[in-house]
C-alpha cells in the first residue's frame, strides 16, 4: 500500500511539472488569440478588406501638397517620357485625374496582363478574359473561341517572353484614361484540327509577334484595374 501511495505521489508531481512546462511553452489563452492560419480564408479576408476599403475611396482631381513643385509631382513621368513631348503631356493628364498613377507600375502590370490574355485566348478561358477585356473586345475574342470550338480546333501555345514594350500614346477621354502600348513578344503557337493535324503556325518554331494594344480605366471608378479596349497586330 505504501508503494502505491509513493507511485501516486510521483505521478502527481510529474503531471504538475509537465503542466507548468506546457504553459511556459504555449502560453495561456486570453481570448484575444488569432485563429489558425488558413491561406484560403486569409486570401478571402484580404480581398474583402480591400473591397471594403475601396468602397470608401472616391477619386478626386490631383491637388499638390503644400510646397510640392510640379517637378516633384511629375518626377516619375518625366523620368519615363521626355518632358514636353506629347506622351509626357498625356501621362501628366492621367496623373492629374489619378494621383496613384505611375507609368512604370502600369507597364509592369500590362506585361502580366498581356501574357494572361494571350494564354487565356489560346486555352479558351473565357472567365479570365472577361476580367481583363472591355465588353467589345471580349465579345470579339469569345466569338473567335466559339468558332474554333465549333470546328473542334485547338491552339497549342507556349509563351516564351516579352522582348520589348513601348508606350506610344496616352490621353484622357472624358474620365477615361487610355494608354497604347507597342508590344514585341515571342510565342510558340500552332492550331490543330480535330484529328490533331497542324493547320496554322508551327509547334516547333518560336515566332516574333508585334501587337499594338490599348488599355483603359475610368478614373472615377473604384476599380483600380485596367482593361484591354483595342488590339491591332503590327505587320
Protein backbone atom coordinates (compact mmCIF):
# COMPACT_ATOMS: atom_id res chain seq x y z
CA UNK A 1 0.00 0.00 0.00
CA UNK A 2 2.90 2.30 0.82
CA UNK A 3 4.38 1.59 -2.60
CA UNK A 4 1.07 2.52 -4.21
CA UNK A 5 0.96 5.84 -2.30
CA UNK A 6 4.52 6.65 -3.34
CA UNK A 7 3.76 5.88 -7.01
CA UNK A 8 0.62 8.03 -6.91
CA UNK A 9 2.53 10.97 -5.47
CA UNK A 10 5.28 10.53 -8.02
CA UNK A 11 2.87 10.70 -10.98
CA UNK A 12 1.03 13.69 -9.47
CA UNK A 13 4.31 15.61 -9.18
CA UNK A 14 5.26 14.65 -12.76
CA UNK A 15 1.87 15.85 -14.01
CA UNK A 16 2.27 19.22 -12.28
CA UNK A 17 5.77 19.70 -13.74
CA UNK A 18 4.57 18.86 -17.25
CA UNK A 19 1.62 21.26 -16.90
CA UNK A 20 3.85 24.20 -15.96
CA UNK A 21 6.28 23.39 -18.77
CA UNK A 22 3.47 23.33 -21.32
CA UNK A 23 2.11 26.62 -20.04
CA UNK A 24 5.53 28.26 -20.34
CA UNK A 25 5.98 27.00 -23.90
CA UNK A 26 2.47 27.50 -25.28
CA UNK A 27 1.28 30.37 -23.11
CA UNK A 28 -2.18 30.83 -21.69
CA UNK A 29 -5.31 31.64 -23.66
CA UNK A 30 -6.54 35.17 -23.10
CA UNK A 31 -9.46 35.24 -25.51
CA UNK A 32 -7.56 37.50 -27.95
CA UNK A 33 -5.73 34.80 -29.91
CA UNK A 34 -5.74 34.80 -33.71
CA UNK A 35 -7.48 31.85 -35.36
CA UNK A 36 -5.31 29.18 -37.03
CA UNK A 37 -3.87 30.41 -40.32
CA UNK A 38 -5.85 29.32 -43.36
CA UNK A 39 -4.31 30.53 -46.65
CA UNK A 40 -7.65 30.36 -48.42
CA UNK A 41 -9.69 32.23 -45.84
CA UNK A 42 -6.81 34.67 -45.40
CA UNK A 43 -6.89 35.43 -49.10
CA UNK A 44 -10.64 35.94 -48.99
CA UNK A 45 -10.29 38.20 -45.97
CA UNK A 46 -7.71 40.36 -47.73
CA UNK A 47 -9.97 40.62 -50.75
CA UNK A 48 -12.93 41.56 -48.56
CA UNK A 49 -10.89 44.12 -46.65
CA UNK A 50 -9.64 45.63 -49.91
CA UNK A 51 -13.19 45.75 -51.25
CA UNK A 52 -14.45 47.43 -48.10
CA UNK A 53 -11.66 49.99 -48.24
CA UNK A 54 -12.29 50.67 -51.92
CA UNK A 55 -15.95 51.33 -51.12
CA UNK A 56 -14.80 54.33 -49.12
CA UNK A 57 -12.40 55.68 -51.74
CA UNK A 58 -13.50 58.31 -54.24
CA UNK A 59 -11.02 59.53 -56.85
CA UNK A 60 -10.63 63.29 -56.83
CA UNK A 61 -8.62 65.61 -59.08
CA UNK A 62 -4.97 65.79 -58.14
CA UNK A 63 -4.02 68.60 -55.74
CA UNK A 64 -0.43 69.36 -54.93
CA UNK A 65 0.67 69.13 -51.36
CA UNK A 66 1.75 72.43 -49.79
CA UNK A 67 5.26 73.20 -51.01
CA UNK A 68 5.20 70.47 -53.67
CA UNK A 69 6.58 71.59 -57.02
CA UNK A 70 5.49 70.48 -60.48
CA UNK A 71 8.84 68.71 -60.87
CA UNK A 72 8.14 66.64 -57.75
CA UNK A 73 4.55 65.88 -58.80
CA UNK A 74 5.54 64.61 -62.24
CA UNK A 75 9.03 63.28 -61.43
CA UNK A 76 8.17 59.65 -62.30
CA UNK A 77 6.57 60.71 -65.57
CA UNK A 78 9.46 62.99 -66.58
CA UNK A 79 11.85 60.09 -65.92
CA UNK A 80 9.70 57.84 -68.09
CA UNK A 81 8.87 60.12 -71.05
CA UNK A 82 10.74 63.09 -72.47
CA UNK A 83 9.48 66.35 -70.91
CA UNK A 84 7.29 68.48 -73.19
CA UNK A 85 6.65 65.53 -75.54
CA UNK A 86 3.08 64.59 -76.43
CA UNK A 87 3.48 61.35 -74.49
CA UNK A 88 4.67 63.20 -71.39
CA UNK A 89 1.77 65.61 -71.59
CA UNK A 90 -0.70 62.73 -71.99
CA UNK A 91 0.72 60.87 -69.00
CA UNK A 92 0.53 64.05 -66.93
CA UNK A 93 -3.17 64.45 -67.69
CA UNK A 94 -3.73 60.89 -66.45
CA UNK A 95 -1.73 61.67 -63.31
CA UNK A 96 -3.92 64.73 -62.74
CA UNK A 97 -7.02 62.54 -62.79
CA UNK A 98 -5.50 59.59 -60.94
CA UNK A 99 -2.91 60.62 -58.30
CA UNK A 100 -1.88 56.99 -57.77
CA UNK A 101 -0.86 56.53 -61.42
CA UNK A 102 2.76 55.55 -62.08
CA UNK A 103 3.82 54.75 -65.66
CA UNK A 104 6.41 52.13 -64.76
CA UNK A 105 3.97 50.29 -62.48
CA UNK A 106 1.39 50.43 -65.27
CA UNK A 107 3.77 48.89 -67.81
CA UNK A 108 4.74 46.09 -65.41
CA UNK A 109 1.05 45.28 -64.92
CA UNK A 110 0.36 45.48 -68.65
CA UNK A 111 3.09 42.90 -69.32
CA UNK A 112 1.44 40.44 -66.95
CA UNK A 113 -1.98 41.16 -68.44
CA UNK A 114 -0.63 40.63 -71.96
CA UNK A 115 0.65 37.15 -71.18
CA UNK A 116 -2.54 36.23 -69.32
CA UNK A 117 -4.73 37.38 -72.20
CA UNK A 118 -2.68 35.62 -74.89
CA UNK A 119 -2.68 32.33 -73.00
CA UNK A 120 -6.33 32.60 -71.91
CA UNK A 121 -7.36 33.09 -75.54
CA UNK A 122 -5.34 30.05 -76.61
CA UNK A 123 -6.87 27.97 -73.80
CA UNK A 124 -10.40 29.25 -74.40
CA UNK A 125 -10.54 30.61 -70.85
CA UNK A 126 -13.50 32.98 -71.10
CA UNK A 127 -13.61 33.70 -67.37
CA UNK A 128 -10.10 35.14 -67.29
CA UNK A 129 -10.68 37.09 -70.47
CA UNK A 130 -13.87 38.64 -69.16
CA UNK A 131 -11.97 40.17 -66.25
CA UNK A 132 -9.26 41.65 -68.48
CA UNK A 133 -11.11 42.86 -71.57
CA UNK A 134 -13.64 45.55 -72.35
CA UNK A 135 -17.05 44.22 -73.34
CA UNK A 136 -16.48 44.82 -77.06
CA UNK A 137 -13.08 43.14 -77.14
CA UNK A 138 -14.37 40.26 -75.01
CA UNK A 139 -17.27 39.66 -77.40
CA UNK A 140 -14.81 39.51 -80.30
CA UNK A 141 -12.47 37.10 -78.51
CA UNK A 142 -15.35 34.93 -77.30
CA UNK A 143 -16.77 34.70 -80.83
CA UNK A 144 -13.39 33.54 -82.16
CA UNK A 145 -13.15 30.93 -79.39
CA UNK A 146 -16.67 29.74 -80.13
CA UNK A 147 -15.90 29.40 -83.83
CA UNK A 148 -12.76 27.42 -83.00
CA UNK A 149 -14.67 25.12 -80.66
CA UNK A 150 -17.38 24.53 -83.28
CA UNK A 151 -14.69 23.20 -85.62
CA UNK A 152 -13.07 21.16 -82.82
CA UNK A 153 -9.85 23.07 -83.34
CA UNK A 154 -7.34 23.69 -80.57
CA UNK A 155 -4.47 26.14 -80.17
CA UNK A 156 -1.25 24.75 -78.72
CA UNK A 157 0.71 27.70 -77.32
CA UNK A 158 3.79 28.33 -75.23
CA UNK A 159 4.60 31.88 -74.15
CA UNK A 160 8.34 32.48 -74.42
CA UNK A 161 8.50 36.06 -73.20
CA UNK A 162 8.22 39.77 -73.93
CA UNK A 163 11.19 41.36 -75.68
CA UNK A 164 10.12 44.98 -75.62
CA UNK A 165 7.28 47.25 -74.54
CA UNK A 166 6.95 50.89 -75.60
CA UNK A 167 4.26 53.30 -74.52
CA UNK A 168 3.32 55.08 -77.75
CA UNK A 169 0.34 57.18 -76.67
CA UNK A 170 -1.54 58.34 -73.59
CA UNK A 171 -4.61 60.50 -73.26
CA UNK A 172 -7.75 61.23 -71.29
CA UNK A 173 -11.13 60.79 -72.98
CA UNK A 174 -13.53 62.34 -70.55
CA UNK A 175 -12.94 60.44 -67.33
CA UNK A 176 -11.28 57.50 -69.12
CA UNK A 177 -7.51 57.11 -69.23
CA UNK A 178 -6.25 55.43 -72.41
CA UNK A 179 -2.69 54.15 -72.87
CA UNK A 180 -1.44 52.47 -76.05
CA UNK A 181 1.49 50.05 -75.99
CA UNK A 182 3.59 48.50 -78.72
CA UNK A 183 4.49 45.00 -77.51
CA UNK A 184 7.05 42.70 -79.10
CA UNK A 185 6.88 39.14 -77.78
CA UNK A 186 7.97 35.62 -78.63
CA UNK A 187 5.45 32.81 -78.83
CA UNK A 188 5.33 29.19 -79.96
CA UNK A 189 1.86 28.57 -81.36
CA UNK A 190 0.10 26.11 -83.59
CA UNK A 191 -3.55 25.44 -84.37
CA UNK A 192 -4.60 21.81 -84.74
CA UNK A 193 -7.77 20.43 -86.30
CA UNK A 194 -9.98 17.78 -84.73
CA UNK A 195 -7.64 14.97 -85.75
CA UNK A 196 -4.55 16.77 -84.43
CA UNK A 197 -3.09 17.93 -87.72
CA UNK A 198 -1.39 21.35 -87.71
CA UNK A 199 -3.39 23.78 -89.84
CA UNK A 200 -1.71 27.01 -88.76
CA UNK A 201 1.54 28.01 -87.04
CA UNK A 202 4.45 25.78 -86.07
CA UNK A 203 4.66 23.82 -82.79
CA UNK A 204 8.47 23.76 -83.02
CA UNK A 205 9.22 27.35 -84.03
CA UNK A 206 9.48 30.49 -81.92
CA UNK A 207 7.67 33.30 -83.69
CA UNK A 208 8.04 37.03 -83.07
CA UNK A 209 4.70 38.75 -82.52
CA UNK A 210 4.18 42.52 -82.68
CA UNK A 211 0.99 43.91 -81.18
CA UNK A 212 -0.38 47.37 -80.53
CA UNK A 213 -2.76 47.22 -77.58
CA UNK A 214 -4.69 49.96 -75.84
CA UNK A 215 -5.72 49.70 -72.20
CA UNK A 216 -8.23 51.95 -70.47
CA UNK A 217 -9.53 52.72 -67.00
CA UNK A 218 -12.29 55.00 -65.78
CA UNK A 219 -10.51 57.22 -63.26
CA UNK A 220 -13.80 57.85 -61.43
CA UNK A 221 -14.25 54.15 -60.76
CA UNK A 222 -13.28 52.48 -57.50
CA UNK A 223 -11.94 49.60 -59.58
CA UNK A 224 -8.16 50.15 -59.98
CA UNK A 225 -7.80 47.61 -62.81
CA UNK A 226 -7.13 48.48 -66.43
CA UNK A 227 -8.81 46.60 -69.28
CA UNK A 228 -7.87 45.96 -72.89
CA UNK A 229 -10.05 48.11 -75.13
CA UNK A 230 -8.39 47.78 -78.56
CA UNK A 231 -5.98 45.41 -80.32
CA UNK A 232 -4.04 45.64 -83.54
CA UNK A 233 -1.40 43.33 -84.95
CA UNK A 234 1.56 45.15 -86.44
CA UNK A 235 2.95 43.76 -89.70
